[in-house]
Amino acid sequence: ISRDNAKNTVYLQMNTLRPEDTAMYYCAAQASWWCGT
């Protein structure tokens, strides 16, 4: 996971994908500076 705050964009680079990675992927924002829980 990475982010480019100048572009207001977050990325998820996924390598060596497996069948168990199949899913709907959602982006989410937590209203805090730090990632609690």
Full PDB file with SEQRES, HELIX, SHEET, SSBOND, CRYST1, ORIGX, SCALE, CONECT and MASTER records, all heavy atoms in Angstrom:
SEQRES   1 A   37  ILE SER ARG ASP ASN ALA LYS ASN THR VAL TYR LEU GLN          
SEQRES   2 A   37  MET ASN THR LEU ARG PRO GLU ASP THR ALA MET TYR TYR          
SEQRES   3 A   37  CYS ALA ALA GLN ALA SER TRP TRP CYS GLY THR                  
HELIX    1 AA1 ASN A    5  LYS A    7  5                                   3    
HELIX    2 AA2 PRO A   19  ASP A   21  5                                   3    
SHEET    1 AA1 2 SER A   2  ASP A   4  0                                        
SHEET    2 AA1 2 THR A   9  TYR A  11 -1                                        
CRYST1    1.000    1.000    1.000  90.00  90.00  90.00 P 1           1          
ORIGX1      1.000000  0.000000  0.000000        0.00000                         
ORIGX2      0.000000  1.000000  0.000000        0.00000                         
ORIGX3      0.000000  0.000000  1.000000        0.00000                         
SCALE1      1.000000  0.000000  0.000000        0.00000                         
SCALE2      0.000000  1.000000  0.000000        0.00000                         
SCALE3      0.000000  0.000000  1.000000        0.00000                         
ATOM      1  N   ILE A   1       0.847  -1.179   0.000  1.00  0.00           N  
ATOM      2  CA  ILE A   1       0.000   0.000   0.000  1.00  0.00           C  
ATOM      3  C   ILE A   1       0.888   1.236   0.000  1.00  0.00           C  
ATOM      4  O   ILE A   1       1.938   1.262   0.647  1.00  0.00           O  
ATOM      5  CB  ILE A   1      -0.974  -0.003   1.201  1.00  0.00           C  
ATOM      6  CG1 ILE A   1      -1.999   1.129   1.077  1.00  0.00           C  
ATOM      7  CG2 ILE A   1      -0.224   0.076   2.524  1.00  0.00           C  
ATOM      8  CD1 ILE A   1      -3.128   1.039   2.094  1.00  0.00           C  
ATOM      9  N   SER A   2       0.480   2.240  -0.736  1.00  0.00           N  
ATOM     10  CA  SER A   2       1.217   3.495  -0.787  1.00  0.00           C  
ATOM     11  C   SER A   2       0.237   4.624  -1.034  1.00  0.00           C  
ATOM     12  O   SER A   2      -0.921   4.396  -1.378  1.00  0.00           O  
ATOM     13  CB  SER A   2       2.299   3.458  -1.874  1.00  0.00           C  
ATOM     14  OG  SER A   2       1.727   3.276  -3.159  1.00  0.00           O  
ATOM     15  N   ARG A   3       0.711   5.837  -0.863  1.00  0.00           N  
ATOM     16  CA  ARG A   3      -0.148   6.982  -1.124  1.00  0.00           C  
ATOM     17  C   ARG A   3       0.660   8.125  -1.690  1.00  0.00           C  
ATOM     18  O   ARG A   3       1.844   8.293  -1.381  1.00  0.00           O  
ATOM     19  CB  ARG A   3      -0.903   7.415   0.142  1.00  0.00           C  
ATOM     20  CG  ARG A   3      -0.025   7.977   1.249  1.00  0.00           C  
ATOM     21  CD  ARG A   3      -0.815   8.088   2.562  1.00  0.00           C  
ATOM     22  NE  ARG A   3      -1.940   9.009   2.464  1.00  0.00           N  
ATOM     23  CZ  ARG A   3      -2.966   9.038   3.312  1.00  0.00           C  
ATOM     24  NH1 ARG A   3      -3.015   8.173   4.333  1.00  0.00           N  
ATOM     25  NH2 ARG A   3      -3.949   9.923   3.151  1.00  0.00           N  
ATOM     26  N   ASP A   4       0.000   8.899  -2.519  1.00  0.00           N  
ATOM     27  CA  ASP A   4       0.571  10.111  -3.079  1.00  0.00           C  
ATOM     28  C   ASP A   4      -0.389  11.228  -2.704  1.00  0.00           C  
ATOM     29  O   ASP A   4      -1.401  11.441  -3.371  1.00  0.00           O  
ATOM     30  CB  ASP A   4       0.730   9.996  -4.591  1.00  0.00           C  
ATOM     31  CG  ASP A   4       1.444  11.183  -5.194  1.00  0.00           C  
ATOM     32  OD1 ASP A   4       1.475  12.259  -4.569  1.00  0.00           O  
ATOM     33  OD2 ASP A   4       1.982  11.040  -6.307  1.00  0.00           O  
ATOM     34  N   ASN A   5      -0.081  11.913  -1.617  1.00  0.00           N  
ATOM     35  CA  ASN A   5      -1.010  12.917  -1.116  1.00  0.00           C  
ATOM     36  C   ASN A   5      -1.143  14.113  -2.050  1.00  0.00           C  
ATOM     37  O   ASN A   5      -2.180  14.778  -2.050  1.00  0.00           O  
ATOM     38  CB  ASN A   5      -0.582  13.375   0.279  1.00  0.00           C  
ATOM     39  CG  ASN A   5      -0.882  12.343   1.343  1.00  0.00           C  
ATOM     40  OD1 ASN A   5      -1.634  11.391   1.110  1.00  0.00           O  
ATOM     41  ND2 ASN A   5      -0.292  12.514   2.517  1.00  0.00           N  
ATOM     42  N   ALA A   6      -0.118  14.392  -2.834  1.00  0.00           N  
ATOM     43  CA  ALA A   6      -0.218  15.471  -3.806  1.00  0.00           C  
ATOM     44  C   ALA A   6      -1.260  15.167  -4.870  1.00  0.00           C  
ATOM     45  O   ALA A   6      -1.841  16.084  -5.452  1.00  0.00           O  
ATOM     46  CB  ALA A   6       1.133  15.736  -4.456  1.00  0.00           C  
ATOM     47  N   LYS A   7      -1.489  13.883  -5.131  1.00  0.00           N  
ATOM     48  CA  LYS A   7      -2.472  13.461  -6.120  1.00  0.00           C  
ATOM     49  C   LYS A   7      -3.770  12.982  -5.492  1.00  0.00           C  
ATOM     50  O   LYS A   7      -4.665  12.543  -6.214  1.00  0.00           O  
ATOM     51  CB  LYS A   7      -1.895  12.353  -6.996  1.00  0.00           C  
ATOM     52  CG  LYS A   7      -0.707  12.783  -7.828  1.00  0.00           C  
ATOM     53  CD  LYS A   7      -0.202  11.638  -8.686  1.00  0.00           C  
ATOM     54  CE  LYS A   7       0.959  12.065  -9.553  1.00  0.00           C  
ATOM     55  NZ  LYS A   7       1.478  10.942 -10.376  1.00  0.00           N  
ATOM     56  N   ASN A   8      -3.862  13.040  -4.175  1.00  0.00           N  
ATOM     57  CA  ASN A   8      -5.051  12.559  -3.467  1.00  0.00           C  
ATOM     58  C   ASN A   8      -5.395  11.128  -3.872  1.00  0.00           C  
ATOM     59  O   ASN A   8      -6.557  10.794  -4.131  1.00  0.00           O  
ATOM     60  CB  ASN A   8      -6.243  13.481  -3.713  1.00  0.00           C  
ATOM     61  CG  ASN A   8      -6.267  14.666  -2.773  1.00  0.00           C  
ATOM     62  OD1 ASN A   8      -5.272  15.002  -2.137  1.00  0.00           O  
ATOM     63  ND2 ASN A   8      -7.422  15.317  -2.684  1.00  0.00           N  
ATOM     64  N   THR A   9      -4.382  10.283  -3.897  1.00  0.00           N  
ATOM     65  CA  THR A   9      -4.561   8.918  -4.372  1.00  0.00           C  
ATOM     66  C   THR A   9      -3.823   7.938  -3.473  1.00  0.00           C  
ATOM     67  O   THR A   9      -2.695   8.197  -3.053  1.00  0.00           O  
ATOM     68  CB  THR A   9      -4.070   8.767  -5.815  1.00  0.00           C  
ATOM     69  OG1 THR A   9      -4.770   9.689  -6.654  1.00  0.00           O  
ATOM     70  CG2 THR A   9      -4.316   7.356  -6.327  1.00  0.00           C  
ATOM     71  N   VAL A  10      -4.470   6.820  -3.198  1.00  0.00           N  
ATOM     72  CA  VAL A  10      -3.842   5.706  -2.499  1.00  0.00           C  
ATOM     73  C   VAL A  10      -3.834   4.512  -3.442  1.00  0.00           C  
ATOM     74  O   VAL A  10      -4.758   4.338  -4.249  1.00  0.00           O  
ATOM     75  CB  VAL A  10      -4.560   5.397  -1.166  1.00  0.00           C  
ATOM     76  CG1 VAL A  10      -5.997   4.963  -1.408  1.00  0.00           C  
ATOM     77  CG2 VAL A  10      -3.800   4.355  -0.371  1.00  0.00           C  
ATOM     78  N   TYR A  11      -2.795   3.696  -3.355  1.00  0.00           N  
ATOM     79  CA  TYR A  11      -2.608   2.574  -4.256  1.00  0.00           C  
ATOM     80  C   TYR A  11      -2.483   1.272  -3.479  1.00  0.00           C  
ATOM     81  O   TYR A  11      -2.056   1.250  -2.330  1.00  0.00           O  
ATOM     82  CB  TYR A  11      -1.338   2.754  -5.089  1.00  0.00           C  
ATOM     83  CG  TYR A  11      -1.278   4.039  -5.859  1.00  0.00           C  
ATOM     84  CD1 TYR A  11      -0.612   5.146  -5.345  1.00  0.00           C  
ATOM     85  CD2 TYR A  11      -1.887   4.155  -7.101  1.00  0.00           C  
ATOM     86  CE1 TYR A  11      -0.552   6.331  -6.048  1.00  0.00           C  
ATOM     87  CE2 TYR A  11      -1.836   5.338  -7.812  1.00  0.00           C  
ATOM     88  CZ  TYR A  11      -1.165   6.418  -7.283  1.00  0.00           C  
ATOM     89  OH  TYR A  11      -1.106   7.598  -7.990  1.00  0.00           O  
ATOM     90  N   LEU A  12      -2.837   0.205  -4.145  1.00  0.00           N  
ATOM     91  CA  LEU A  12      -2.562  -1.127  -3.639  1.00  0.00           C  
ATOM     92  C   LEU A  12      -1.930  -1.925  -4.771  1.00  0.00           C  
ATOM     93  O   LEU A  12      -2.616  -2.310  -5.722  1.00  0.00           O  
ATOM     94  CB  LEU A  12      -3.824  -1.825  -3.135  1.00  0.00           C  
ATOM     95  CG  LEU A  12      -3.595  -3.172  -2.463  1.00  0.00           C  
ATOM     96  CD1 LEU A  12      -2.843  -2.995  -1.144  1.00  0.00           C  
ATOM     97  CD2 LEU A  12      -4.911  -3.908  -2.229  1.00  0.00           C  
ATOM     98  N   GLN A  13      -0.633  -2.134  -4.677  1.00  0.00           N  
ATOM     99  CA  GLN A  13       0.076  -2.965  -5.638  1.00  0.00           C  
ATOM    100  C   GLN A  13      -0.040  -4.411  -5.195  1.00  0.00           C  
ATOM    101  O   GLN A  13       0.373  -4.755  -4.086  1.00  0.00           O  
ATOM    102  CB  GLN A  13       1.542  -2.555  -5.729  1.00  0.00           C  
ATOM    103  CG  GLN A  13       2.376  -3.399  -6.679  1.00  0.00           C  
ATOM    104  CD  GLN A  13       1.972  -3.229  -8.120  1.00  0.00           C  
ATOM    105  OE1 GLN A  13       1.787  -2.104  -8.574  1.00  0.00           O  
ATOM    106  NE2 GLN A  13       1.816  -4.332  -8.842  1.00  0.00           N  
ATOM    107  N   MET A  14      -0.578  -5.249  -6.056  1.00  0.00           N  
ATOM    108  CA  MET A  14      -0.828  -6.643  -5.733  1.00  0.00           C  
ATOM    109  C   MET A  14       0.004  -7.511  -6.671  1.00  0.00           C  
ATOM    110  O   MET A  14      -0.223  -7.510  -7.882  1.00  0.00           O  
ATOM    111  CB  MET A  14      -2.311  -6.975  -5.858  1.00  0.00           C  
ATOM    112  CG  MET A  14      -3.207  -6.080  -5.018  1.00  0.00           C  
ATOM    113  SD  MET A  14      -4.953  -6.571  -5.090  1.00  0.00           S  
ATOM    114  CE  MET A  14      -5.295  -6.243  -6.814  1.00  0.00           C  
ATOM    115  N   ASN A  15       0.937  -8.235  -6.109  1.00  0.00           N  
ATOM    116  CA  ASN A  15       1.805  -9.123  -6.872  1.00  0.00           C  
ATOM    117  C   ASN A  15       1.538 -10.573  -6.501  1.00  0.00           C  
ATOM    118  O   ASN A  15       0.974 -10.865  -5.449  1.00  0.00           O  
ATOM    119  CB  ASN A  15       3.271  -8.788  -6.619  1.00  0.00           C  
ATOM    120  CG  ASN A  15       3.651  -7.404  -7.070  1.00  0.00           C  
ATOM    121  OD1 ASN A  15       3.126  -6.895  -8.054  1.00  0.00           O  
ATOM    122  ND2 ASN A  15       4.588  -6.779  -6.358  1.00  0.00           N  
ATOM    123  N   THR A  16       1.992 -11.472  -7.348  1.00  0.00           N  
ATOM    124  CA  THR A  16       1.820 -12.915  -7.160  1.00  0.00           C  
ATOM    125  C   THR A  16       0.418 -13.241  -6.674  1.00  0.00           C  
ATOM    126  O   THR A  16       0.230 -13.902  -5.653  1.00  0.00           O  
ATOM    127  CB  THR A  16       2.887 -13.498  -6.207  1.00  0.00           C  
ATOM    128  OG1 THR A  16       2.823 -12.841  -4.930  1.00  0.00           O  
ATOM    129  CG2 THR A  16       4.275 -13.341  -6.788  1.00  0.00           C  
ATOM    130  N   LEU A  17      -0.550 -12.780  -7.433  1.00  0.00           N  
ATOM    131  CA  LEU A  17      -1.940 -12.974  -7.051  1.00  0.00           C  
ATOM    132  C   LEU A  17      -2.322 -14.447  -7.049  1.00  0.00           C  
ATOM    133  O   LEU A  17      -1.826 -15.235  -7.859  1.00  0.00           O  
ATOM    134  CB  LEU A  17      -2.850 -12.190  -7.984  1.00  0.00           C  
ATOM    135  CG  LEU A  17      -2.900 -10.692  -7.688  1.00  0.00           C  
ATOM    136  CD1 LEU A  17      -3.400  -9.916  -8.891  1.00  0.00           C  
ATOM    137  CD2 LEU A  17      -3.784 -10.423  -6.471  1.00  0.00           C  
ATOM    138  N   ARG A  18      -3.212 -14.789  -6.148  1.00  0.00           N  
ATOM    139  CA  ARG A  18      -3.694 -16.147  -5.966  1.00  0.00           C  
ATOM    140  C   ARG A  18      -5.203 -16.181  -6.103  1.00  0.00           C  
ATOM    141  O   ARG A  18      -5.870 -15.168  -5.909  1.00  0.00           O  
ATOM    142  CB  ARG A  18      -3.307 -16.651  -4.573  1.00  0.00           C  
ATOM    143  CG  ARG A  18      -1.825 -16.578  -4.267  1.00  0.00           C  
ATOM    144  CD  ARG A  18      -1.577 -16.784  -2.787  1.00  0.00           C  
ATOM    145  NE  ARG A  18      -0.161 -16.737  -2.454  1.00  0.00           N  
ATOM    146  CZ  ARG A  18       0.308 -16.669  -1.223  1.00  0.00           C  
ATOM    147  NH1 ARG A  18      -0.527 -16.650  -0.181  1.00  0.00           N  
ATOM    148  NH2 ARG A  18       1.617 -16.625  -1.016  1.00  0.00           N  
ATOM    149  N   PRO A  19      -5.773 -17.344  -6.403  1.00  0.00           N  
ATOM    150  CA  PRO A  19      -7.234 -17.424  -6.505  1.00  0.00           C  
ATOM    151  C   PRO A  19      -7.941 -16.947  -5.241  1.00  0.00           C  
ATOM    152  O   PRO A  19      -9.027 -16.357  -5.344  1.00  0.00           O  
ATOM    153  CB  PRO A  19      -7.481 -18.910  -6.761  1.00  0.00           C  
ATOM    154  CG  PRO A  19      -6.255 -19.361  -7.485  1.00  0.00           C  
ATOM    155  CD  PRO A  19      -5.124 -18.597  -6.850  1.00  0.00           C  
ATOM    156  N   GLU A  20      -7.371 -17.173  -4.084  1.00  0.00           N  
ATOM    157  CA  GLU A  20      -8.001 -16.735  -2.847  1.00  0.00           C  
ATOM    158  C   GLU A  20      -8.009 -15.224  -2.674  1.00  0.00           C  
ATOM    159  O   GLU A  20      -8.644 -14.713  -1.748  1.00  0.00           O  
ATOM    160  CB  GLU A  20      -7.350 -17.402  -1.631  1.00  0.00           C  
ATOM    161  CG  GLU A  20      -5.845 -17.215  -1.556  1.00  0.00           C  
ATOM    162  CD  GLU A  20      -5.070 -18.400  -2.095  1.00  0.00           C  
ATOM    163  OE1 GLU A  20      -5.475 -18.956  -3.141  1.00  0.00           O  
ATOM    164  OE2 GLU A  20      -4.061 -18.777  -1.474  1.00  0.00           O  
ATOM    165  N   ASP A  21      -7.310 -14.500  -3.544  1.00  0.00           N  
ATOM    166  CA  ASP A  21      -7.371 -13.044  -3.530  1.00  0.00           C  
ATOM    167  C   ASP A  21      -8.602 -12.511  -4.248  1.00  0.00           C  
ATOM    168  O   ASP A  21      -8.860 -11.306  -4.212  1.00  0.00           O  
ATOM    169  CB  ASP A  21      -6.121 -12.445  -4.172  1.00  0.00           C  
ATOM    170  CG  ASP A  21      -4.855 -12.748  -3.390  1.00  0.00           C  
ATOM    171  OD1 ASP A  21      -4.887 -12.670  -2.149  1.00  0.00           O  
ATOM    172  OD2 ASP A  21      -3.831 -13.046  -4.034  1.00  0.00           O  
ATOM    173  N   THR A  22      -9.342 -13.374  -4.909  1.00  0.00           N  
ATOM    174  CA  THR A  22     -10.533 -12.955  -5.629  1.00  0.00           C  
ATOM    175  C   THR A  22     -11.547 -12.353  -4.665  1.00  0.00           C  
ATOM    176  O   THR A  22     -11.941 -12.982  -3.687  1.00  0.00           O  
ATOM    177  CB  THR A  22     -11.149 -14.143  -6.369  1.00  0.00           C  
ATOM    178  OG1 THR A  22     -10.237 -14.606  -7.368  1.00  0.00           O  
ATOM    179  CG2 THR A  22     -12.459 -13.748  -7.029  1.00  0.00           C  
ATOM    180  N   ALA A  23     -11.963 -11.126  -4.940  1.00  0.00           N  
ATOM    181  CA  ALA A  23     -12.890 -10.418  -4.058  1.00  0.00           C  
ATOM    182  C   ALA A  23     -13.209  -9.063  -4.658  1.00  0.00           C  
ATOM    183  O   ALA A  23     -12.556  -8.609  -5.601  1.00  0.00           O  
ATOM    184  CB  ALA A  23     -12.284 -10.231  -2.662  1.00  0.00           C  
ATOM    185  N   MET A  24     -14.217  -8.429  -4.082  1.00  0.00           N  
ATOM    186  CA  MET A  24     -14.429  -7.022  -4.322  1.00  0.00           C  
ATOM    187  C   MET A  24     -13.528  -6.252  -3.363  1.00  0.00           C  
ATOM    188  O   MET A  24     -13.544  -6.516  -2.152  1.00  0.00           O  
ATOM    189  CB  MET A  24     -15.894  -6.651  -4.103  1.00  0.00           C  
ATOM    190  CG  MET A  24     -16.221  -5.203  -4.428  1.00  0.00           C  
ATOM    191  SD  MET A  24     -16.244  -4.862  -6.204  1.00  0.00           S  
ATOM    192  CE  MET A  24     -17.799  -5.635  -6.666  1.00  0.00           C  
ATOM    193  N   TYR A  25     -12.762  -5.332  -3.893  1.00  0.00           N  
ATOM    194  CA  TYR A  25     -11.832  -4.550  -3.093  1.00  0.00           C  
ATOM    195  C   TYR A  25     -12.368  -3.144  -2.900  1.00  0.00           C  
ATOM    196  O   TYR A  25     -12.754  -2.477  -3.859  1.00  0.00           O  
ATOM    197  CB  TYR A  25     -10.457  -4.508  -3.758  1.00  0.00           C  
ATOM    198  CG  TYR A  25      -9.673  -5.781  -3.570  1.00  0.00           C  
ATOM    199  CD1 TYR A  25     -10.034  -6.942  -4.237  1.00  0.00           C  
ATOM    200  CD2 TYR A  25      -8.573  -5.819  -2.705  1.00  0.00           C  
ATOM    201  CE1 TYR A  25      -9.332  -8.114  -4.049  1.00  0.00           C  
ATOM    202  CE2 TYR A  25      -7.865  -6.987  -2.520  1.00  0.00           C  
ATOM    203  CZ  TYR A  25      -8.244  -8.127  -3.189  1.00  0.00           C  
ATOM    204  OH  TYR A  25      -7.535  -9.298  -3.006  1.00  0.00           O  
ATOM    205  N   TYR A  26     -12.359  -2.699  -1.655  1.00  0.00           N  
ATOM    206  CA  TYR A  26     -12.893  -1.395  -1.286  1.00  0.00           C  
ATOM    207  C   TYR A  26     -11.808  -0.518  -0.684  1.00  0.00           C  
ATOM    208  O   TYR A  26     -11.024  -0.966   0.151  1.00  0.00           O  
ATOM    209  CB  TYR A  26     -14.015  -1.544  -0.255  1.00  0.00           C  
ATOM    210  CG  TYR A  26     -15.199  -2.333  -0.723  1.00  0.00           C  
ATOM    211  CD1 TYR A  26     -15.268  -3.703  -0.507  1.00  0.00           C  
ATOM    212  CD2 TYR A  26     -16.253  -1.708  -1.372  1.00  0.00           C  
ATOM    213  CE1 TYR A  26     -16.358  -4.432  -0.939  1.00  0.00           C  
ATOM    214  CE2 TYR A  26     -17.346  -2.430  -1.798  1.00  0.00           C  
ATOM    215  CZ  TYR A  26     -17.391  -3.792  -1.579  1.00  0.00           C  
ATOM    216  OH  TYR A  26     -18.484  -4.512  -2.002  1.00  0.00           O  
ATOM    217  N   CYS A  27     -11.814   0.716  -1.080  1.00  0.00           N  
ATOM    218  CA  CYS A  27     -10.990   1.737  -0.465  1.00  0.00           C  
ATOM    219  C   CYS A  27     -11.792   2.407   0.642  1.00  0.00           C  
ATOM    220  O   CYS A  27     -13.001   2.622   0.502  1.00  0.00           O  
ATOM    221  CB  CYS A  27     -10.575   2.759  -1.524  1.00  0.00           C  
ATOM    222  SG  CYS A  27      -9.628   4.164  -0.918  1.00  0.00           S  
ATOM    223  N   ALA A  28     -11.143   2.735   1.744  1.00  0.00           N  
ATOM    224  CA  ALA A  28     -11.827   3.355   2.866  1.00  0.00           C  
ATOM    225  C   ALA A  28     -10.922   4.369   3.550  1.00  0.00           C  
ATOM    226  O   ALA A  28      -9.697   4.233   3.539  1.00  0.00           O  
ATOM    227  CB  ALA A  28     -12.275   2.289   3.871  1.00  0.00           C  
ATOM    228  N   ALA A  29     -11.546   5.364   4.148  1.00  0.00           N  
ATOM    229  CA  ALA A  29     -10.835   6.415   4.868  1.00  0.00           C  
ATOM    230  C   ALA A  29     -11.264   6.432   6.326  1.00  0.00           C  
ATOM    231  O   ALA A  29     -12.458   6.468   6.625  1.00  0.00           O  
ATOM    232  CB  ALA A  29     -11.095   7.778   4.233  1.00  0.00           C  
ATOM    233  N   GLN A  30     -10.300   6.409   7.203  1.00  0.00           N  
ATOM    234  CA  GLN A  30     -10.526   6.521   8.633  1.00  0.00           C  
ATOM    235  C   GLN A  30     -10.255   7.958   9.037  1.00  0.00           C  
ATOM    236  O   GLN A  30      -9.190   8.494   8.737  1.00  0.00           O  
ATOM    237  CB  GLN A  30      -9.602   5.552   9.370  1.00  0.00           C  
ATOM    238  CG  GLN A  30      -9.825   5.472  10.863  1.00  0.00           C  
ATOM    239  CD  GLN A  30      -8.931   4.429  11.520  1.00  0.00           C  
ATOM    240  OE1 GLN A  30      -8.250   4.737  12.512  1.00  0.00           O  
ATOM    241  NE2 GLN A  30      -8.916   3.220  10.991  1.00  0.00           N  
ATOM    242  N   ALA A  31     -11.196   8.575   9.722  1.00  0.00           N  
ATOM    243  CA  ALA A  31     -11.090   9.997  10.053  1.00  0.00           C  
ATOM    244  C   ALA A  31     -10.148  10.219  11.232  1.00  0.00           C  
ATOM    245  O   ALA A  31     -10.542  10.709  12.292  1.00  0.00           O  
ATOM    246  CB  ALA A  31     -12.471  10.580  10.335  1.00  0.00           C  
ATOM    247  N   SER A  32      -8.895   9.851  11.033  1.00  0.00           N  
ATOM    248  CA  SER A  32      -7.860  10.052  12.030  1.00  0.00           C  
ATOM    249  C   SER A  32      -6.505  10.040  11.341  1.00  0.00           C  
ATOM    250  O   SER A  32      -6.354   9.481  10.252  1.00  0.00           O  
ATOM    251  CB  SER A  32      -7.918   8.970  13.116  1.00  0.00           C  
ATOM    252  OG  SER A  32      -7.667   7.692  12.564  1.00  0.00           O  
ATOM    253  N   TRP A  33      -5.530  10.653  11.967  1.00  0.00           N  
ATOM    254  CA  TRP A  33      -4.178  10.684  11.419  1.00  0.00           C  
ATOM    255  C   TRP A  33      -3.536   9.310  11.428  1.00  0.00           C  
ATOM    256  O   TRP A  33      -2.784   8.961  10.518  1.00  0.00           O  
ATOM    257  CB  TRP A  33      -3.301  11.643  12.228  1.00  0.00           C  
ATOM    258  CG  TRP A  33      -3.649  13.078  12.098  1.00  0.00           C  
ATOM    259  CD1 TRP A  33      -4.469  13.802  12.913  1.00  0.00           C  
ATOM    260  CD2 TRP A  33      -3.164  13.984  11.101  1.00  0.00           C  
ATOM    261  NE1 TRP A  33      -4.536  15.102  12.482  1.00  0.00           N  
ATOM    262  CE2 TRP A  33      -3.747  15.244  11.374  1.00  0.00           C  
ATOM    263  CE3 TRP A  33      -2.307  13.850  10.008  1.00  0.00           C  
ATOM    264  CZ2 TRP A  33      -3.483  16.365  10.586  1.00  0.00           C  
ATOM    265  CZ3 TRP A  33      -2.055  14.966   9.227  1.00  0.00           C  
ATOM    266  CH2 TRP A  33      -2.642  16.204   9.531  1.00  0.00           C  
ATOM    267  N   TRP A  34      -3.834   8.532  12.462  1.00  0.00           N  
ATOM    268  CA  TRP A  34      -3.201   7.239  12.657  1.00  0.00           C  
ATOM    269  C   TRP A  34      -4.218   6.136  12.463  1.00  0.00           C  
ATOM    270  O   TRP A  34      -5.413   6.313  12.677  1.00  0.00           O  
ATOM    271  CB  TRP A  34      -2.570   7.156  14.049  1.00  0.00           C  
ATOM    272  CG  TRP A  34      -1.859   8.407  14.441  1.00  0.00           C  
ATOM    273  CD1 TRP A  34      -2.203   9.268  15.437  1.00  0.00           C  
ATOM    274  CD2 TRP A  34      -0.689   8.947  13.821  1.00  0.00           C  
ATOM    275  NE1 TRP A  34      -1.320  10.309  15.485  1.00  0.00           N  
ATOM    276  CE2 TRP A  34      -0.376  10.148  14.502  1.00  0.00           C  
ATOM    277  CE3 TRP A  34       0.127   8.535  12.760  1.00  0.00           C  
ATOM    278  CZ2 TRP A  34       0.718  10.931  14.155  1.00  0.00           C  
ATOM    279  CZ3 TRP A  34       1.201   9.327  12.414  1.00  0.00           C  
ATOM    280  CH2 TRP A  34       1.494  10.501  13.104  1.00  0.00           C  
ATOM    281  N   CYS A  35      -3.725   4.979  12.084  1.00  0.00           N  
ATOM    282  CA  CYS A  35      -4.591   3.855  11.753  1.00  0.00           C  
ATOM    283  C   CYS A  35      -4.871   3.008  12.987  1.00  0.00           C  
ATOM    284  O   CYS A  35      -4.323   1.914  13.146  1.00  0.00           O  
ATOM    285  CB  CYS A  35      -3.978   3.010  10.645  1.00  0.00           C  
ATOM    286  SG  CYS A  35      -3.784   3.861   9.072  1.00  0.00           S  
ATOM    287  N   GLY A  36      -5.731   3.505  13.834  1.00  0.00           N  
ATOM    288  CA  GLY A  36      -6.180   2.691  14.939  1.00  0.00           C  
ATOM    289  C   GLY A  36      -7.165   1.643  14.459  1.00  0.00           C  
ATOM    290  O   GLY A  36      -8.045   1.943  13.643  1.00  0.00           O  
ATOM    291  N   THR A  37      -7.036   0.423  14.954  1.00  0.00           N  
ATOM    292  CA  THR A  37      -7.890  -0.708  14.553  1.00  0.00           C  
ATOM    293  C   THR A  37      -8.113  -0.710  13.046  1.00  0.00           C  
ATOM    294  O   THR A  37      -9.255  -0.740  12.566  1.00  0.00           O  
ATOM    295  CB  THR A  37      -9.232  -0.708  15.317  1.00  0.00           C  
ATOM    296  OG1 THR A  37      -9.937   0.520  15.057  1.00  0.00           O  
ATOM    297  CG2 THR A  37      -9.002  -0.845  16.808  1.00  0.00           C  
TER     298      THR A  37                                                      
MASTER        0    0    0    2    2    0    0    6  297    1    0    3          
END                                                                             
